[in-house]
Amino acid sequence: MGSLSDVRVQLLAKELEAGQRTRIYDPLANLSRWGLMLHRWRTRKALLELDARQLRDIGLSWEQAREEGCKPFWRE
């Protein structure tokens, strides 16, 4: 569950204002099929272990977390 820091977002905004091309780094782009499935399995398992406060911090309801966390690892 990757996210951009505030500093990185500000830098990207400045580059866009200056008309520069930006490339957003995607850490999952270079994973193999098995690596991607393992990543999904781990992150979905971790999502199910979050408490109400942690879910609120990331902007998800318990229902949304459960729906995503219960998906099989081979599904997007």
PDB file of N, CA and C in Angstrom:
ATOM      1  N   MET A   1       0.831  -1.119   0.000  1.00  0.00           N
ATOM      2  CA  MET A   1       0.000   0.000   0.000  1.00  0.00           C
ATOM      3  C   MET A   1       0.910   1.226   0.000  1.00  0.00           C
ATOM      4  N   GLY A   2       1.376   1.557  -1.105  1.00  0.00           N
ATOM      5  CA  GLY A   2       2.250   2.627  -1.222  1.00  0.00           C
ATOM      6  C   GLY A   2       1.593   3.935  -1.280  1.00  0.00           C
ATOM      7  N   SER A   3       2.326   4.927  -0.756  1.00  0.00           N
ATOM      8  CA  SER A   3       1.793   6.281  -0.823  1.00  0.00           C
ATOM      9  C   SER A   3       2.946   7.247  -0.978  1.00  0.00           C
ATOM     10  N   LEU A   4       2.623   8.473  -1.389  1.00  0.00           N
ATOM     11  CA  LEU A   4       3.643   9.496  -1.566  1.00  0.00           C
ATOM     12  C   LEU A   4       3.669  10.407  -0.354  1.00  0.00           C
ATOM     13  N   SER A   5       4.855  10.783   0.060  1.00  0.00           N
ATOM     14  CA  SER A   5       4.957  11.705   1.182  1.00  0.00           C
ATOM     15  C   SER A   5       4.560  13.109   0.721  1.00  0.00           C
ATOM     16  N   ASP A   6       4.257  13.975   1.680  1.00  0.00           N
ATOM     17  CA  ASP A   6       3.889  15.360   1.358  1.00  0.00           C
ATOM     18  C   ASP A   6       5.000  16.059   0.594  1.00  0.00           C
ATOM     19  N   VAL A   7       6.234  15.790   0.968  1.00  0.00           N
ATOM     20  CA  VAL A   7       7.373  16.424   0.290  1.00  0.00           C
ATOM     21  C   VAL A   7       7.416  16.000  -1.173  1.00  0.00           C
ATOM     22  N   ARG A   8       7.236  14.714  -1.423  1.00  0.00           N
ATOM     23  CA  ARG A   8       7.270  14.210  -2.794  1.00  0.00           C
ATOM     24  C   ARG A   8       6.128  14.795  -3.615  1.00  0.00           C
ATOM     25  N   VAL A   9       4.949  14.908  -3.018  1.00  0.00           N
ATOM     26  CA  VAL A   9       3.807  15.490  -3.717  1.00  0.00           C
ATOM     27  C   VAL A   9       4.094  16.946  -4.071  1.00  0.00           C
ATOM     28  N   GLN A  10       4.698  17.690  -3.160  1.00  0.00           N
ATOM     29  CA  GLN A  10       5.037  19.085  -3.429  1.00  0.00           C
ATOM     30  C   GLN A  10       6.062  19.190  -4.551  1.00  0.00           C
ATOM     31  N   LEU A  11       7.050  18.295  -4.562  1.00  0.00           N
ATOM     32  CA  LEU A  11       8.044  18.303  -5.634  1.00  0.00           C
ATOM     33  C   LEU A  11       7.408  17.995  -6.983  1.00  0.00           C
ATOM     34  N   LEU A  12       6.491  17.032  -7.017  1.00  0.00           N
ATOM     35  CA  LEU A  12       5.803  16.709  -8.260  1.00  0.00           C
ATOM     36  C   LEU A  12       4.964  17.887  -8.744  1.00  0.00           C
ATOM     37  N   ALA A  13       4.309  18.585  -7.815  1.00  0.00           N
ATOM     38  CA  ALA A  13       3.500  19.748  -8.184  1.00  0.00           C
ATOM     39  C   ALA A  13       4.382  20.834  -8.791  1.00  0.00           C
ATOM     40  N   LYS A  14       5.551  21.072  -8.211  1.00  0.00           N
ATOM     41  CA  LYS A  14       6.477  22.078  -8.757  1.00  0.00           C
ATOM     42  C   LYS A  14       6.952  21.689 -10.151  1.00  0.00           C
ATOM     43  N   GLU A  15       7.241  20.402 -10.353  1.00  0.00           N
ATOM     44  CA  GLU A  15       7.667  19.940 -11.672  1.00  0.00           C
ATOM     45  C   GLU A  15       6.556  20.123 -12.699  1.00  0.00           C
ATOM     46  N   LEU A  16       5.320  19.855 -12.305  1.00  0.00           N
ATOM     47  CA  LEU A  16       4.193  20.038 -13.219  1.00  0.00           C
ATOM     48  C   LEU A  16       4.004  21.505 -13.569  1.00  0.00           C
ATOM     49  N   GLU A  17       4.153  22.379 -12.564  1.00  0.00           N
ATOM     50  CA  GLU A  17       4.025  23.819 -12.821  1.00  0.00           C
ATOM     51  C   GLU A  17       5.111  24.296 -13.778  1.00  0.00           C
ATOM     52  N   ALA A  18       6.297  23.722 -13.660  1.00  0.00           N
ATOM     53  CA  ALA A  18       7.407  24.120 -14.514  1.00  0.00           C
ATOM     54  C   ALA A  18       7.318  23.483 -15.900  1.00  0.00           C
ATOM     55  N   GLY A  19       6.341  22.622 -16.101  1.00  0.00           N
ATOM     56  CA  GLY A  19       6.165  21.990 -17.406  1.00  0.00           C
ATOM     57  C   GLY A  19       7.089  20.815 -17.639  1.00  0.00           C
ATOM     58  N   GLN A  20       7.707  20.321 -16.589  1.00  0.00           N
ATOM     59  CA  GLN A  20       8.610  19.191 -16.732  1.00  0.00           C
ATOM     60  C   GLN A  20       7.806  17.890 -16.728  1.00  0.00           C
ATOM     61  N   ARG A  21       8.339  16.927 -17.430  1.00  0.00           N
ATOM     62  CA  ARG A  21       7.706  15.603 -17.422  1.00  0.00           C
ATOM     63  C   ARG A  21       8.047  14.920 -16.116  1.00  0.00           C
ATOM     64  N   THR A  22       7.088  14.256 -15.553  1.00  0.00           N
ATOM     65  CA  THR A  22       7.330  13.530 -14.312  1.00  0.00           C
ATOM     66  C   THR A  22       7.053  12.051 -14.523  1.00  0.00           C
ATOM     67  N   ARG A  23       7.770  11.251 -13.791  1.00  0.00           N
ATOM     68  CA  ARG A  23       7.552   9.819 -13.820  1.00  0.00           C
ATOM     69  C   ARG A  23       7.350   9.366 -12.380  1.00  0.00           C
ATOM     70  N   ILE A  24       6.179   8.857 -12.087  1.00  0.00           N
ATOM     71  CA  ILE A  24       5.888   8.396 -10.738  1.00  0.00           C
ATOM     72  C   ILE A  24       6.428   6.990 -10.591  1.00  0.00           C
ATOM     73  N   TYR A  25       7.173   6.780  -9.538  1.00  0.00           N
ATOM     74  CA  TYR A  25       7.780   5.491  -9.264  1.00  0.00           C
ATOM     75  C   TYR A  25       6.717   4.490  -8.829  1.00  0.00           C
ATOM     76  N   ASP A  26       6.670   3.356  -9.482  1.00  0.00           N
ATOM     77  CA  ASP A  26       5.744   2.285  -9.126  1.00  0.00           C
ATOM     78  C   ASP A  26       6.562   1.098  -8.634  1.00  0.00           C
ATOM     79  N   PRO A  27       6.592   0.875  -7.307  1.00  0.00           N
ATOM     80  CA  PRO A  27       7.435  -0.195  -6.776  1.00  0.00           C
ATOM     81  C   PRO A  27       6.975  -1.593  -7.189  1.00  0.00           C
ATOM     82  N   LEU A  28       5.737  -1.740  -7.646  1.00  0.00           N
ATOM     83  CA  LEU A  28       5.236  -3.059  -8.039  1.00  0.00           C
ATOM     84  C   LEU A  28       5.491  -3.374  -9.506  1.00  0.00           C
ATOM     85  N   ALA A  29       5.963  -2.401 -10.263  1.00  0.00           N
ATOM     86  CA  ALA A  29       6.115  -2.577 -11.709  1.00  0.00           C
ATOM     87  C   ALA A  29       7.118  -3.675 -12.068  1.00  0.00           C
ATOM     88  N   ASN A  30       8.132  -3.887 -11.249  1.00  0.00           N
ATOM     89  CA  ASN A  30       9.180  -4.849 -11.594  1.00  0.00           C
ATOM     90  C   ASN A  30       9.021  -6.195 -10.905  1.00  0.00           C
ATOM     91  N   LEU A  31       7.901  -6.422 -10.242  1.00  0.00           N
ATOM     92  CA  LEU A  31       7.691  -7.708  -9.587  1.00  0.00           C
ATOM     93  C   LEU A  31       7.263  -8.765 -10.588  1.00  0.00           C
ATOM     94  N   SER A  32       7.687  -9.983 -10.346  1.00  0.00           N
ATOM     95  CA  SER A  32       7.213 -11.096 -11.160  1.00  0.00           C
ATOM     96  C   SER A  32       5.759 -11.374 -10.793  1.00  0.00           C
ATOM     97  N   ARG A  33       5.131 -12.235 -11.536  1.00  0.00           N
ATOM     98  CA  ARG A  33       3.746 -12.603 -11.231  1.00  0.00           C
ATOM     99  C   ARG A  33       3.641 -13.168  -9.812  1.00  0.00           C
ATOM    100  N   TRP A  34       4.593 -14.039  -9.433  1.00  0.00           N
ATOM    101  CA  TRP A  34       4.579 -14.634  -8.093  1.00  0.00           C
ATOM    102  C   TRP A  34       4.881 -13.594  -7.028  1.00  0.00           C
ATOM    103  N   GLY A  35       5.783 -12.679  -7.339  1.00  0.00           N
ATOM    104  CA  GLY A  35       6.089 -11.604  -6.399  1.00  0.00           C
ATOM    105  C   GLY A  35       4.889 -10.714  -6.140  1.00  0.00           C
ATOM    106  N   LEU A  36       4.138 -10.428  -7.190  1.00  0.00           N
ATOM    107  CA  LEU A  36       2.934  -9.608  -7.052  1.00  0.00           C
ATOM    108  C   LEU A  36       1.875 -10.331  -6.216  1.00  0.00           C
ATOM    109  N   MET A  37       1.713 -11.628  -6.462  1.00  0.00           N
ATOM    110  CA  MET A  37       0.744 -12.394  -5.676  1.00  0.00           C
ATOM    111  C   MET A  37       1.147 -12.464  -4.210  1.00  0.00           C
ATOM    112  N   LEU A  38       2.432 -12.632  -3.937  1.00  0.00           N
ATOM    113  CA  LEU A  38       2.920 -12.647  -2.558  1.00  0.00           C
ATOM    114  C   LEU A  38       2.694 -11.294  -1.889  1.00  0.00           C
ATOM    115  N   HIS A  39       2.939 -10.225  -2.633  1.00  0.00           N
ATOM    116  CA  HIS A  39       2.707  -8.874  -2.110  1.00  0.00           C
ATOM    117  C   HIS A  39       1.227  -8.688  -1.754  1.00  0.00           C
ATOM    118  N   ARG A  40       0.347  -9.114  -2.648  1.00  0.00           N
ATOM    119  CA  ARG A  40      -1.096  -8.994  -2.380  1.00  0.00           C
ATOM    120  C   ARG A  40      -1.492  -9.792  -1.149  1.00  0.00           C
ATOM    121  N   TRP A  41      -0.979 -11.015  -1.025  1.00  0.00           N
ATOM    122  CA  TRP A  41      -1.324 -11.864   0.108  1.00  0.00           C
ATOM    123  C   TRP A  41      -0.895 -11.205   1.417  1.00  0.00           C
ATOM    124  N   ARG A  42       0.348 -10.697   1.452  1.00  0.00           N
ATOM    125  CA  ARG A  42       0.861 -10.072   2.681  1.00  0.00           C
ATOM    126  C   ARG A  42       0.108  -8.795   3.038  1.00  0.00           C
ATOM    127  N   THR A  43      -0.137  -7.940   2.049  1.00  0.00           N
ATOM    128  CA  THR A  43      -0.789  -6.666   2.357  1.00  0.00           C
ATOM    129  C   THR A  43      -2.254  -6.860   2.716  1.00  0.00           C
ATOM    130  N   ARG A  44      -2.926  -7.815   2.099  1.00  0.00           N
ATOM    131  CA  ARG A  44      -4.322  -8.077   2.447  1.00  0.00           C
ATOM    132  C   ARG A  44      -4.428  -8.692   3.839  1.00  0.00           C
ATOM    133  N   LYS A  45      -3.480  -9.548   4.182  1.00  0.00           N
ATOM    134  CA  LYS A  45      -3.452 -10.122   5.531  1.00  0.00           C
ATOM    135  C   LYS A  45      -3.226  -9.010   6.560  1.00  0.00           C
ATOM    136  N   ALA A  46      -2.293  -8.103   6.260  1.00  0.00           N
ATOM    137  CA  ALA A  46      -2.011  -6.988   7.172  1.00  0.00           C
ATOM    138  C   ALA A  46      -3.218  -6.069   7.308  1.00  0.00           C
ATOM    139  N   LEU A  47      -3.939  -5.871   6.232  1.00  0.00           N
ATOM    140  CA  LEU A  47      -5.128  -5.018   6.252  1.00  0.00           C
ATOM    141  C   LEU A  47      -6.179  -5.558   7.214  1.00  0.00           C
ATOM    142  N   LEU A  48      -6.324  -6.876   7.259  1.00  0.00           N
ATOM    143  CA  LEU A  48      -7.301  -7.484   8.150  1.00  0.00           C
ATOM    144  C   LEU A  48      -6.900  -7.382   9.622  1.00  0.00           C
ATOM    145  N   GLU A  49      -5.629  -7.113   9.886  1.00  0.00           N
ATOM    146  CA  GLU A  49      -5.137  -7.020  11.260  1.00  0.00           C
ATOM    147  C   GLU A  49      -5.176  -5.597  11.826  1.00  0.00           C
ATOM    148  N   LEU A  50      -5.563  -4.614  11.012  1.00  0.00           N
ATOM    149  CA  LEU A  50      -5.605  -3.235  11.483  1.00  0.00           C
ATOM    150  C   LEU A  50      -6.803  -3.013  12.403  1.00  0.00           C
ATOM    151  N   ASP A  51      -6.605  -2.159  13.416  1.00  0.00           N
ATOM    152  CA  ASP A  51      -7.722  -1.834  14.303  1.00  0.00           C
ATOM    153  C   ASP A  51      -8.481  -0.623  13.753  1.00  0.00           C
ATOM    154  N   ALA A  52      -9.552  -0.232  14.423  1.00  0.00           N
ATOM    155  CA  ALA A  52     -10.427   0.841  13.947  1.00  0.00           C
ATOM    156  C   ALA A  52      -9.682   2.163  13.785  1.00  0.00           C
ATOM    157  N   ARG A  53      -8.789   2.481  14.710  1.00  0.00           N
ATOM    158  CA  ARG A  53      -8.039   3.741  14.631  1.00  0.00           C
ATOM    159  C   ARG A  53      -7.119   3.743  13.412  1.00  0.00           C
ATOM    160  N   GLN A  54      -6.443   2.635  13.176  1.00  0.00           N
ATOM    161  CA  GLN A  54      -5.541   2.542  12.031  1.00  0.00           C
ATOM    162  C   GLN A  54      -6.310   2.611  10.709  1.00  0.00           C
ATOM    163  N   LEU A  55      -7.465   1.977  10.666  1.00  0.00           N
ATOM    164  CA  LEU A  55      -8.291   2.051   9.452  1.00  0.00           C
ATOM    165  C   LEU A  55      -8.757   3.473   9.204  1.00  0.00           C
ATOM    166  N   ARG A  56      -9.121   4.179  10.271  1.00  0.00           N
ATOM    167  CA  ARG A  56      -9.530   5.584  10.141  1.00  0.00           C
ATOM    168  C   ARG A  56      -8.369   6.422   9.592  1.00  0.00           C
ATOM    169  N   ASP A  57      -7.153   6.130  10.055  1.00  0.00           N
ATOM    170  CA  ASP A  57      -5.975   6.872   9.587  1.00  0.00           C
ATOM    171  C   ASP A  57      -5.763   6.734   8.081  1.00  0.00           C
ATOM    172  N   ILE A  58      -6.059   5.575   7.531  1.00  0.00           N
ATOM    173  CA  ILE A  58      -5.862   5.385   6.095  1.00  0.00           C
ATOM    174  C   ILE A  58      -7.135   5.624   5.289  1.00  0.00           C
ATOM    175  N   GLY A  59      -8.207   6.003   5.975  1.00  0.00           N
ATOM    176  CA  GLY A  59      -9.432   6.395   5.285  1.00  0.00           C
ATOM    177  C   GLY A  59     -10.296   5.251   4.803  1.00  0.00           C
ATOM    178  N   LEU A  60     -10.248   4.116   5.511  1.00  0.00           N
ATOM    179  CA  LEU A  60     -11.073   2.975   5.130  1.00  0.00           C
ATOM    180  C   LEU A  60     -12.026   2.621   6.257  1.00  0.00           C
ATOM    181  N   SER A  61     -13.187   2.136   5.873  1.00  0.00           N
ATOM    182  CA  SER A  61     -14.111   1.606   6.864  1.00  0.00           C
ATOM    183  C   SER A  61     -13.754   0.138   7.093  1.00  0.00           C
ATOM    184  N   TRP A  62     -14.325  -0.431   8.156  1.00  0.00           N
ATOM    185  CA  TRP A  62     -14.077  -1.836   8.451  1.00  0.00           C
ATOM    186  C   TRP A  62     -14.601  -2.708   7.308  1.00  0.00           C
ATOM    187  N   GLU A  63     -15.738  -2.335   6.746  1.00  0.00           N
ATOM    188  CA  GLU A  63     -16.326  -3.106   5.648  1.00  0.00           C
ATOM    189  C   GLU A  63     -15.433  -3.093   4.409  1.00  0.00           C
ATOM    190  N   GLN A  64     -14.878  -1.912   4.085  1.00  0.00           N
ATOM    191  CA  GLN A  64     -13.992  -1.810   2.929  1.00  0.00           C
ATOM    192  C   GLN A  64     -12.725  -2.646   3.134  1.00  0.00           C
ATOM    193  N   ALA A  65     -12.168  -2.577   4.341  1.00  0.00           N
ATOM    194  CA  ALA A  65     -10.952  -3.339   4.645  1.00  0.00           C
ATOM    195  C   ALA A  65     -11.231  -4.834   4.572  1.00  0.00           C
ATOM    196  N   ARG A  66     -12.369  -5.252   5.086  1.00  0.00           N
ATOM    197  CA  ARG A  66     -12.725  -6.667   5.060  1.00  0.00           C
ATOM    198  C   ARG A  66     -12.943  -7.146   3.631  1.00  0.00           C
ATOM    199  N   GLU A  67     -13.608  -6.326   2.823  1.00  0.00           N
ATOM    200  CA  GLU A  67     -13.857  -6.695   1.422  1.00  0.00           C
ATOM    201  C   GLU A  67     -12.536  -6.882   0.672  1.00  0.00           C
ATOM    202  N   GLU A  68     -11.616  -5.950   0.835  1.00  0.00           N
ATOM    203  CA  GLU A  68     -10.319  -6.046   0.156  1.00  0.00           C
ATOM    204  C   GLU A  68      -9.472  -7.162   0.759  1.00  0.00           C
ATOM    205  N   GLY A  69      -9.479  -7.265   2.076  1.00  0.00           N
ATOM    206  CA  GLY A  69      -8.649  -8.256   2.753  1.00  0.00           C
ATOM    207  C   GLY A  69      -9.065  -9.685   2.505  1.00  0.00           C
ATOM    208  N   CYS A  70     -10.320  -9.907   2.184  1.00  0.00           N
ATOM    209  CA  CYS A  70     -10.821 -11.262   1.948  1.00  0.00           C
ATOM    210  C   CYS A  70     -10.705 -11.705   0.487  1.00  0.00           C
ATOM    211  N   LYS A  71     -10.262 -10.817  -0.381  1.00  0.00           N
ATOM    212  CA  LYS A  71     -10.070 -11.207  -1.783  1.00  0.00           C
ATOM    213  C   LYS A  71      -8.934 -12.225  -1.868  1.00  0.00           C
ATOM    214  N   PRO A  72      -9.046 -13.194  -2.765  1.00  0.00           N
ATOM    215  CA  PRO A  72      -7.928 -14.114  -2.973  1.00  0.00           C
ATOM    216  C   PRO A  72      -6.732 -13.372  -3.570  1.00  0.00           C
ATOM    217  N   PHE A  73      -5.537 -13.842  -3.273  1.00  0.00           N
ATOM    218  CA  PHE A  73      -4.334 -13.138  -3.707  1.00  0.00           C
ATOM    219  C   PHE A  73      -4.158 -13.090  -5.214  1.00  0.00           C
ATOM    220  N   TRP A  74      -4.827 -13.972  -5.944  1.00  0.00           N
ATOM    221  CA  TRP A  74      -4.664 -13.977  -7.395  1.00  0.00           C
ATOM    222  C   TRP A  74      -5.575 -12.976  -8.099  1.00  0.00           C
ATOM    223  N   ARG A  75      -6.491 -12.353  -7.358  1.00  0.00           N
ATOM    224  CA  ARG A  75      -7.367 -11.330  -7.944  1.00  0.00           C
ATOM    225  C   ARG A  75      -6.829  -9.940  -7.695  1.00  0.00           C
ATOM    226  N   GLU A  76      -7.025  -9.066  -8.688  1.00  0.00           N
ATOM    227  CA  GLU A  76      -6.646  -7.660  -8.510  1.00  0.00           C
ATOM    228  C   GLU A  76      -7.613  -6.954  -7.628  1.00  0.00           C
TER     229      GLU A  76
END
